[in-house]
Amino acid sequence: MINALIAIAVIAWLSQLVLGGWQIRHFNRAFDQLCQKGAVGIGRSGGRFKPRVVIALAFDEQQNICDSLMMKGITIFARPLPLSQLHGINRKELQPDVIFPHDQNCQNALSLAIKVKHG
């Protein structure tokens, strides 16, 4: 019985490692594509037991959003998705509390992505 529990725990741990690596690979590919489109701002919300949010925004020369991605979730099944509703909006016009009125984590991540610029 104990050997079966140990085997199940090892299988679960190995599965998490493999699927976590798969998630990171998907995110890195999407992020690399984003970085090729312009200067990138990145924001991440914190939280241990609530869904974490990562938002990355690519800005063109006029500081308009030309591409974006958001990854939100607790599990390894979260995938990076574009925030198409933000494309074309200027950095100065972004208002996180208006864009995400009911999601404090998304507001925090977007606020950080607006401030931080990597290019």
C-alpha atoms as a PDB file:
ATOM      1  CA  MET A   1       0.000   0.000   0.000  1.00  0.00           C
ATOM      2  CA  ILE A   2       2.766   2.438   0.918  1.00  0.00           C
ATOM      3  CA  ASN A   3       4.713   1.534  -2.222  1.00  0.00           C
ATOM      4  CA  ALA A   4       1.628   2.311  -4.331  1.00  0.00           C
ATOM      5  CA  LEU A   5       1.247   5.724  -2.673  1.00  0.00           C
ATOM      6  CA  ILE A   6       4.917   6.500  -3.231  1.00  0.00           C
ATOM      7  CA  ALA A   7       4.621   5.446  -6.885  1.00  0.00           C
ATOM      8  CA  ILE A   8       1.551   7.663  -7.364  1.00  0.00           C
ATOM      9  CA  ALA A   9       3.335  10.621  -5.746  1.00  0.00           C
ATOM     10  CA  VAL A  10       6.395  10.138  -7.978  1.00  0.00           C
ATOM     11  CA  ILE A  11       4.233   9.871 -11.112  1.00  0.00           C
ATOM     12  CA  ALA A  12       2.312  13.020 -10.132  1.00  0.00           C
ATOM     13  CA  TRP A  13       5.556  14.910  -9.467  1.00  0.00           C
ATOM     14  CA  LEU A  14       7.107  13.823 -12.786  1.00  0.00           C
ATOM     15  CA  SER A  15       3.899  14.732 -14.623  1.00  0.00           C
ATOM     16  CA  GLN A  16       3.975  18.194 -13.088  1.00  0.00           C
ATOM     17  CA  LEU A  17       7.600  18.661 -14.158  1.00  0.00           C
ATOM     18  CA  VAL A  18       6.879  17.629 -17.736  1.00  0.00           C
ATOM     19  CA  LEU A  19       3.682  19.659 -18.082  1.00  0.00           C
ATOM     20  CA  GLY A  20       5.268  22.673 -16.339  1.00  0.00           C
ATOM     21  CA  GLY A  21       8.131  22.579 -18.828  1.00  0.00           C
ATOM     22  CA  TRP A  22       5.605  22.387 -21.659  1.00  0.00           C
ATOM     23  CA  GLN A  23       3.813  25.470 -20.280  1.00  0.00           C
ATOM     24  CA  ILE A  24       7.058  27.419 -19.965  1.00  0.00           C
ATOM     25  CA  ARG A  25       8.045  26.497 -23.529  1.00  0.00           C
ATOM     26  CA  HIS A  26       4.700  27.770 -24.870  1.00  0.00           C
ATOM     27  CA  PHE A  27       5.042  31.013 -22.934  1.00  0.00           C
ATOM     28  CA  ASN A  28       8.641  31.568 -24.041  1.00  0.00           C
ATOM     29  CA  ARG A  29       7.724  31.077 -27.707  1.00  0.00           C
ATOM     30  CA  ALA A  30       4.850  33.560 -27.445  1.00  0.00           C
ATOM     31  CA  PHE A  31       7.059  36.013 -25.546  1.00  0.00           C
ATOM     32  CA  ASP A  32       9.877  35.760 -28.118  1.00  0.00           C
ATOM     33  CA  GLN A  33       7.403  36.567 -30.904  1.00  0.00           C
ATOM     34  CA  LEU A  34       6.126  39.525 -28.886  1.00  0.00           C
ATOM     35  CA  CYS A  35       9.648  40.895 -28.347  1.00  0.00           C
ATOM     36  CA  GLN A  36      10.240  40.953 -32.114  1.00  0.00           C
ATOM     37  CA  LYS A  37       7.353  43.409 -32.564  1.00  0.00           C
ATOM     38  CA  GLY A  38       8.574  46.254 -30.367  1.00  0.00           C
ATOM     39  CA  ALA A  39       9.510  47.384 -26.870  1.00  0.00           C
ATOM     40  CA  VAL A  40       7.862  45.122 -24.314  1.00  0.00           C
ATOM     41  CA  GLY A  41       6.339  45.918 -20.920  1.00  0.00           C
ATOM     42  CA  ILE A  42       5.759  43.020 -18.541  1.00  0.00           C
ATOM     43  CA  GLY A  43       3.605  42.821 -15.428  1.00  0.00           C
ATOM     44  CA  ARG A  44       2.804  40.001 -13.036  1.00  0.00           C
ATOM     45  CA  SER A  45       0.357  39.851 -10.181  1.00  0.00           C
ATOM     46  CA  GLY A  46       1.357  38.066  -7.024  1.00  0.00           C
ATOM     47  CA  GLY A  47      -0.514  35.608  -4.903  1.00  0.00           C
ATOM     48  CA  ARG A  48       0.127  32.132  -3.676  1.00  0.00           C
ATOM     49  CA  PHE A  49      -3.390  30.729  -3.586  1.00  0.00           C
ATOM     50  CA  LYS A  50      -5.133  32.854  -6.201  1.00  0.00           C
ATOM     51  CA  PRO A  51      -4.702  32.846  -9.969  1.00  0.00           C
ATOM     52  CA  ARG A  52      -1.516  34.593 -11.027  1.00  0.00           C
ATOM     53  CA  VAL A  53      -1.634  36.840 -14.042  1.00  0.00           C
ATOM     54  CA  VAL A  54       1.205  37.688 -16.427  1.00  0.00           C
ATOM     55  CA  ILE A  55       0.583  40.418 -18.998  1.00  0.00           C
ATOM     56  CA  ALA A  56       3.119  41.430 -21.652  1.00  0.00           C
ATOM     57  CA  LEU A  57       2.521  44.318 -24.047  1.00  0.00           C
ATOM     58  CA  ALA A  58       4.521  45.173 -27.168  1.00  0.00           C
ATOM     59  CA  PHE A  59       4.635  48.883 -27.980  1.00  0.00           C
ATOM     60  CA  ASP A  60       5.457  50.427 -31.351  1.00  0.00           C
ATOM     61  CA  GLU A  61       7.397  53.694 -31.844  1.00  0.00           C
ATOM     62  CA  GLN A  62       4.290  55.798 -31.099  1.00  0.00           C
ATOM     63  CA  GLN A  63       3.726  53.880 -27.823  1.00  0.00           C
ATOM     64  CA  ASN A  64       0.633  52.127 -29.204  1.00  0.00           C
ATOM     65  CA  ILE A  65       0.090  48.477 -28.316  1.00  0.00           C
ATOM     66  CA  CYS A  66       0.876  46.391 -31.389  1.00  0.00           C
ATOM     67  CA  ASP A  67       0.642  42.971 -29.720  1.00  0.00           C
ATOM     68  CA  SER A  68       0.022  41.452 -26.317  1.00  0.00           C
ATOM     69  CA  LEU A  69      -0.315  38.294 -24.316  1.00  0.00           C
ATOM     70  CA  MET A  70      -1.885  37.338 -21.030  1.00  0.00           C
ATOM     71  CA  MET A  71      -1.464  34.139 -19.082  1.00  0.00           C
ATOM     72  CA  LYS A  72      -3.802  33.628 -16.151  1.00  0.00           C
ATOM     73  CA  GLY A  73      -4.363  30.654 -13.920  1.00  0.00           C
ATOM     74  CA  ILE A  74      -3.310  28.473 -11.046  1.00  0.00           C
ATOM     75  CA  THR A  75      -2.580  25.289 -12.925  1.00  0.00           C
ATOM     76  CA  ILE A  76      -0.067  24.190 -15.516  1.00  0.00           C
ATOM     77  CA  PHE A  77      -2.859  24.276 -18.101  1.00  0.00           C
ATOM     78  CA  ALA A  78      -2.865  28.097 -18.359  1.00  0.00           C
ATOM     79  CA  ARG A  79      -1.876  29.247 -21.856  1.00  0.00           C
ATOM     80  CA  PRO A  80      -0.755  32.651 -23.167  1.00  0.00           C
ATOM     81  CA  LEU A  81      -3.589  34.383 -25.017  1.00  0.00           C
ATOM     82  CA  PRO A  82      -3.632  37.737 -26.844  1.00  0.00           C
ATOM     83  CA  LEU A  83      -5.478  40.727 -25.387  1.00  0.00           C
ATOM     84  CA  SER A  84      -6.793  41.863 -28.776  1.00  0.00           C
ATOM     85  CA  GLN A  85      -9.083  44.498 -27.246  1.00  0.00           C
ATOM     86  CA  LEU A  86      -5.974  46.478 -26.240  1.00  0.00           C
ATOM     87  CA  HIS A  87      -4.273  46.516 -29.650  1.00  0.00           C
ATOM     88  CA  GLY A  88      -3.953  50.019 -31.072  1.00  0.00           C
ATOM     89  CA  ILE A  89      -4.423  51.787 -27.724  1.00  0.00           C
ATOM     90  CA  ASN A  90      -1.731  54.247 -26.660  1.00  0.00           C
ATOM     91  CA  ARG A  91       0.205  53.605 -23.430  1.00  0.00           C
ATOM     92  CA  LYS A  92      -1.066  56.882 -21.916  1.00  0.00           C
ATOM     93  CA  GLU A  93      -4.706  55.921 -22.542  1.00  0.00           C
ATOM     94  CA  LEU A  94      -4.557  52.590 -20.716  1.00  0.00           C
ATOM     95  CA  GLN A  95      -6.620  52.522 -17.530  1.00  0.00           C
ATOM     96  CA  PRO A  96      -6.347  49.138 -15.795  1.00  0.00           C
ATOM     97  CA  ASP A  97      -9.373  49.713 -13.553  1.00  0.00           C
ATOM     98  CA  VAL A  98     -11.539  50.451 -16.606  1.00  0.00           C
ATOM     99  CA  ILE A  99     -10.190  47.584 -18.716  1.00  0.00           C
ATOM    100  CA  PHE A 100     -10.478  45.004 -15.899  1.00  0.00           C
ATOM    101  CA  PRO A 101     -13.120  46.487 -13.555  1.00  0.00           C
ATOM    102  CA  HIS A 102     -13.696  43.287 -11.565  1.00  0.00           C
ATOM    103  CA  ASP A 103     -10.259  41.664 -11.564  1.00  0.00           C
ATOM    104  CA  GLN A 104      -7.676  43.172  -9.208  1.00  0.00           C
ATOM    105  CA  ASN A 105      -4.963  40.717 -10.314  1.00  0.00           C
ATOM    106  CA  CYS A 106      -5.327  41.749 -13.966  1.00  0.00           C
ATOM    107  CA  GLN A 107      -5.351  45.425 -12.951  1.00  0.00           C
ATOM    108  CA  ASN A 108      -2.086  44.995 -11.034  1.00  0.00           C
ATOM    109  CA  ALA A 109      -0.381  43.077 -13.844  1.00  0.00           C
ATOM    110  CA  LEU A 110      -1.494  45.614 -16.471  1.00  0.00           C
ATOM    111  CA  SER A 111      -0.321  48.526 -14.298  1.00  0.00           C
ATOM    112  CA  LEU A 112       3.131  46.982 -14.073  1.00  0.00           C
ATOM    113  CA  ALA A 113       3.222  46.176 -17.802  1.00  0.00           C
ATOM    114  CA  ILE A 114       2.469  49.817 -18.601  1.00  0.00           C
ATOM    115  CA  LYS A 115       5.287  51.094 -16.365  1.00  0.00           C
ATOM    116  CA  VAL A 116       8.016  48.594 -17.222  1.00  0.00           C
ATOM    117  CA  LYS A 117       9.532  48.785 -20.689  1.00  0.00           C
ATOM    118  CA  HIS A 118      12.124  46.391 -22.073  1.00  0.00           C
ATOM    119  CA  GLY A 119      13.393  47.092 -25.516  1.00  0.00           C
END
